[in-house]
Protein backbone atom coordinates (compact mmCIF):
# COMPACT_ATOMS: atom_id res chain seq x y z
CA MET A 1 -4.70 17.53 -3.75
CA ASP A 2 -3.40 19.78 -6.43
CA GLU A 3 0.15 19.78 -7.76
CA GLN A 4 1.54 21.67 -4.76
CA HIS A 5 -0.89 21.39 -1.86
CA VAL A 6 -2.82 18.84 0.17
CA ILE A 7 -6.34 20.24 0.26
CA GLY A 8 -7.75 17.61 2.59
CA GLU A 9 -7.41 13.99 3.71
CA LEU A 10 -9.25 11.60 5.98
CA VAL A 11 -7.49 8.81 7.88
CA THR A 12 -8.94 6.16 10.17
CA ASN A 13 -7.49 2.86 11.35
CA LEU A 14 -10.64 1.03 12.38
CA LYS A 15 -11.68 -2.59 11.87
CA LYS A 16 -15.08 -1.64 10.50
CA ASN A 17 -16.99 -2.38 7.34
CA HIS A 18 -15.24 -0.44 4.57
CA SER A 19 -18.04 -1.21 2.13
CA VAL A 20 -20.33 0.91 4.30
CA ARG A 21 -17.89 3.64 5.31
CA ALA A 22 -15.71 4.32 2.28
CA MET A 23 -18.09 6.08 -0.11
CA PRO A 24 -19.66 8.36 2.53
CA ALA A 25 -16.14 9.29 3.62
CA ILE A 26 -15.21 10.30 0.06
CA GLU A 27 -18.42 12.27 -0.28
CA GLN A 28 -17.87 14.09 3.02
CA LEU A 29 -14.24 14.91 2.23
CA MET A 30 -15.10 16.39 -1.15
CA LYS A 31 -17.92 18.39 0.42
CA ASP A 32 -15.61 19.74 3.12
CA CYS A 33 -13.00 20.67 0.49
CA ASP A 34 -15.64 22.24 -1.78
CA VAL A 35 -14.57 20.06 -4.70
CA LYS A 36 -17.04 18.67 -7.23
CA PRO A 37 -16.48 15.24 -8.84
CA SER A 38 -16.33 16.85 -12.27
CA GLU A 39 -13.35 18.96 -11.11
CA LEU A 40 -11.16 15.95 -10.45
CA ASP A 41 -8.32 15.26 -12.90
CA ARG A 42 -7.56 11.65 -11.92
CA ILE A 43 -8.43 8.94 -9.42
CA VAL A 44 -5.60 7.24 -7.50
CA VAL A 45 -6.02 4.03 -5.51
CA GLY A 46 -3.88 1.63 -3.49
CA LYS A 47 -3.98 -1.58 -5.54
CA GLY A 48 -2.66 -3.98 -2.89
CA PRO A 49 -1.34 -6.23 -1.58
CA GLY A 50 -3.35 -6.26 1.63
CA SER A 51 -6.72 -7.39 2.91
CA TYR A 52 -8.52 -9.10 0.01
CA THR A 53 -11.86 -7.54 0.88
CA GLY A 54 -10.44 -4.11 1.65
CA VAL A 55 -8.40 -3.95 -1.54
CA ARG A 56 -11.34 -5.12 -3.65
CA ILE A 57 -13.62 -2.46 -2.16
CA GLY A 58 -11.07 0.30 -2.74
CA VAL A 59 -10.33 -0.76 -6.32
CA THR A 60 -14.02 -1.16 -7.14
CA LEU A 61 -14.81 2.32 -5.85
CA ALA A 62 -11.90 3.84 -7.77
CA LYS A 63 -12.80 2.07 -11.03
CA THR A 64 -16.44 3.12 -10.70
CA LEU A 65 -15.51 6.75 -10.07
CA ALA A 66 -12.98 6.84 -12.90
CA TRP A 67 -15.36 5.21 -15.39
CA SER A 68 -18.46 7.23 -14.46
CA LEU A 69 -16.53 10.54 -14.43
CA ASN A 70 -14.40 9.63 -17.46
CA LYS A 71 -11.20 10.33 -15.53
CA PRO A 72 -7.82 8.54 -15.63
CA LEU A 73 -7.26 5.80 -13.06
CA VAL A 74 -3.86 5.23 -11.41
CA GLY A 75 -2.95 2.28 -9.19
CA VAL A 76 -0.15 2.49 -6.63
CA SER A 77 1.38 -0.41 -4.72
CA SER A 78 0.09 -0.36 -1.14
CA LEU A 79 3.62 -1.30 -0.01
CA GLU A 80 5.15 1.55 -1.99
CA LEU A 81 2.63 3.85 -0.34
CA LEU A 82 3.73 2.73 3.13
CA ALA A 83 7.37 3.21 2.22
CA ALA A 84 6.67 6.83 1.29
CA ASN A 85 6.29 7.60 5.00
CA GLY A 86 9.98 6.84 5.47
CA ARG A 87 11.28 9.54 3.15
CA TYR A 88 13.82 10.90 5.65
CA PHE A 89 15.45 7.55 6.40
CA GLN A 90 18.94 7.20 4.96
CA GLY A 91 18.79 3.62 3.76
CA SER A 92 16.40 0.93 2.56
CA ILE A 93 12.76 0.99 3.60
CA CYS A 94 10.91 -2.29 4.14
CA SER A 95 7.13 -2.07 4.05
CA LEU A 96 5.57 -5.06 5.74
CA MET A 97 2.08 -6.52 6.15
CA ASP A 98 1.28 -9.78 7.90
CA ALA A 99 0.04 -12.53 5.54
CA ARG A 100 -0.41 -15.22 8.26
CA ARG A 101 1.25 -18.61 8.59
CA GLY A 102 4.68 -17.02 8.97
CA GLN A 103 4.37 -15.14 5.68
CA VAL A 104 4.42 -11.42 4.93
CA TYR A 105 3.62 -9.09 2.06
CA THR A 106 6.70 -6.96 1.66
CA GLY A 107 8.95 -4.99 -0.66
CA LEU A 108 12.10 -2.92 -0.39
CA TYR A 109 12.32 0.74 -1.34
CA ARG A 110 14.73 3.67 -1.11
CA PHE A 111 14.48 7.41 -1.61
CA ASN A 112 16.81 9.12 -4.05
CA GLY A 113 16.17 12.75 -3.27
CA ASP A 114 12.40 13.18 -3.49
CA ASN A 115 11.92 10.13 -5.69
CA LEU A 116 11.00 6.73 -4.26
CA HIS A 117 12.61 3.79 -6.05
CA THR A 118 11.94 0.06 -5.81
CA GLU A 119 14.92 -2.04 -4.72
CA ILE A 120 13.06 -5.37 -4.50
CA GLU A 121 9.60 -5.86 -6.03
CA ASP A 122 6.60 -6.67 -3.83
CA VAL A 123 6.44 -10.31 -2.80
CA ASN A 124 4.52 -12.72 -0.58
CA ILE A 125 7.23 -14.64 1.26
CA LEU A 126 8.12 -16.41 4.49
CA LEU A 127 9.37 -13.78 6.91
CA THR A 128 12.47 -15.79 7.77
CA ASP A 129 13.39 -16.14 4.08
CA TRP A 130 12.90 -12.41 3.58
CA LEU A 131 15.02 -11.51 6.60
CA THR A 132 17.78 -13.77 5.30
CA VAL A 133 17.81 -11.75 2.06
CA LEU A 134 17.98 -8.47 3.98
CA LYS A 135 20.70 -9.77 6.30
CA GLU A 136 22.94 -10.53 3.31
CA LYS A 137 22.81 -6.84 2.32
CA GLN A 138 24.42 -5.84 5.67
CA ALA A 139 22.82 -2.40 5.49
CA PRO A 140 20.35 -0.46 7.68
CA VAL A 141 16.67 -1.14 7.02
CA LEU A 142 13.63 0.79 8.24
CA PHE A 143 10.62 -1.46 8.89
CA ILE A 144 7.29 0.25 8.48
CA GLY A 145 3.64 -0.81 8.77
CA ASN A 146 0.99 -1.58 11.38
CA ASP A 147 1.89 -5.29 11.43
CA VAL A 148 5.62 -4.83 12.08
CA HIS A 149 5.12 -5.18 15.84
CA LEU A 150 3.92 -8.77 15.29
CA HIS A 151 7.34 -9.72 13.94
CA LYS A 152 9.65 -7.27 15.72
CA GLU A 153 11.33 -9.92 17.87
CA THR A 154 12.18 -12.08 14.86
CA ILE A 155 13.39 -9.08 12.86
CA ILE A 156 15.80 -8.09 15.63
CA GLN A 157 16.95 -11.71 15.98
CA TYR A 158 18.02 -11.74 12.33
CA LEU A 159 19.20 -8.17 11.76
CA GLY A 160 20.15 -6.83 15.18
CA GLU A 161 21.22 -3.17 15.05
CA LEU A 162 20.67 -3.02 11.30
CA ALA A 163 16.91 -3.03 11.97
CA HIS A 164 15.19 0.31 12.53
CA PHE A 165 11.49 0.80 13.21
CA ALA A 166 9.12 3.55 12.15
CA SER A 167 7.20 5.51 14.76
CA VAL A 168 3.58 4.62 15.42
CA SER A 169 2.38 7.71 13.55
CA GLU A 170 4.27 6.61 10.40
CA ASN A 171 2.70 3.14 10.18
CA ASN A 172 -0.60 4.23 8.61
CA PRO A 173 -0.61 4.73 4.83
CA SER A 174 -1.08 8.40 3.97
CA PRO A 175 -3.76 9.47 1.46
CA SER A 176 -1.75 12.55 0.54
CA GLU A 177 1.34 10.46 -0.19
CA LEU A 178 -0.87 8.21 -2.32
CA ALA A 179 -2.07 11.21 -4.29
CA PHE A 180 1.44 12.54 -4.93
CA LEU A 181 2.76 9.10 -5.92
CA GLY A 182 -0.18 8.70 -8.31
CA TRP A 183 0.38 12.13 -9.81
CA GLU A 184 3.74 10.99 -11.22
CA LYS A 185 2.60 7.63 -12.64
CA GLU A 186 1.01 6.74 -15.95
CA SER A 187 -2.69 5.92 -15.89
CA ASP A 188 -4.03 2.36 -16.12
CA ASP A 189 -6.72 0.89 -18.33
CA ILE A 190 -9.88 1.13 -16.24
CA HIS A 191 -11.56 -2.05 -17.46
CA SER A 192 -8.55 -4.38 -17.19
CA PHE A 193 -7.25 -2.93 -13.91
CA VAL A 194 -7.30 -5.48 -11.08
CA PRO A 195 -5.88 -5.60 -7.54
CA ASN A 196 -2.41 -7.02 -6.94
CA TYR A 197 -2.72 -9.67 -4.25
CA THR A 198 0.75 -11.22 -4.86
CA ARG A 199 -0.99 -14.55 -4.12
CA LEU A 200 -4.42 -16.09 -4.55
CA ALA A 201 -6.99 -15.94 -1.80
CA GLU A 202 -7.08 -19.23 0.08
CA ALA A 203 -10.54 -20.08 -1.27
CA GLU A 204 -9.41 -19.41 -4.86
CA ALA A 205 -6.28 -21.52 -4.42
CA LYS A 206 -8.27 -24.45 -3.07
CA TRP A 207 -10.77 -24.18 -5.93
CA LEU A 208 -7.99 -24.23 -8.54
CA GLU A 209 -6.31 -27.16 -6.81
CA SER A 210 -9.52 -29.19 -6.76
CA ASN A 211 -10.21 -28.47 -10.44
CA GLU A 212 -6.73 -29.53 -11.54
CA LYS A 213 -7.31 -33.11 -10.36
C-alpha cells in the first residue's frame, strides 16, 4: 500500500503449511503489483497472539525482510487487526480467538472517528471470566473472528441482546488494514522483536515447571 491506496493484497483462510506458502505468496503479490523489495518503506507484521507456529513464521519472515532490506519493522497486535474490520460499529469491538480448554485470546477496542483505540489490553483468559467483565459494562459489543462461532451460545447466554456478531466476510484479518495500522505506529527494534503469545506454549510451560523443581 501507499499512504492513500491499497495496491494489492492476498487473503486465504486455509489450514495449510504457512512455512511453504507464505514467501511465494509475498513474491507473487509484489510481482503482480510491480513493486521491487528495495522500493518498500517498511515491513508490517501481525505479532500475535494466535497460532504459535503461524505467528512465528510470520514474524520470522518479517524480521528477515526488514533486516536484509534495511527497512523499519512494525508489529501490530493480531487482535487489534481483527478489530479494525469493525470500524463502522458504534460501540466496543471484541476480537476473539480460541485458546482451547475454555480459554480465549481477546481484547477490547473502539473506534474514535478513524482511529482505533484499545479499551482493554490483549489477554489470555477463561471465556466465562471475560464475558463477566463485558457484562458489567452493560454496553453493546461486536464479537469478531473466525473462532467466535465456537463460543456464540455462551456469549449470548451471558450478554443476550448486548452481543452483536460480525459477518462471515469480516472475520478474516485484512492485510490492507494491517498495513494502514502499521503506517501510524513507531517501528520496533528488529533484533529484539518477538511475537506476543500472551501465554507460553504448553511445551515451554511444562519445561519451565519441570526445571523449577
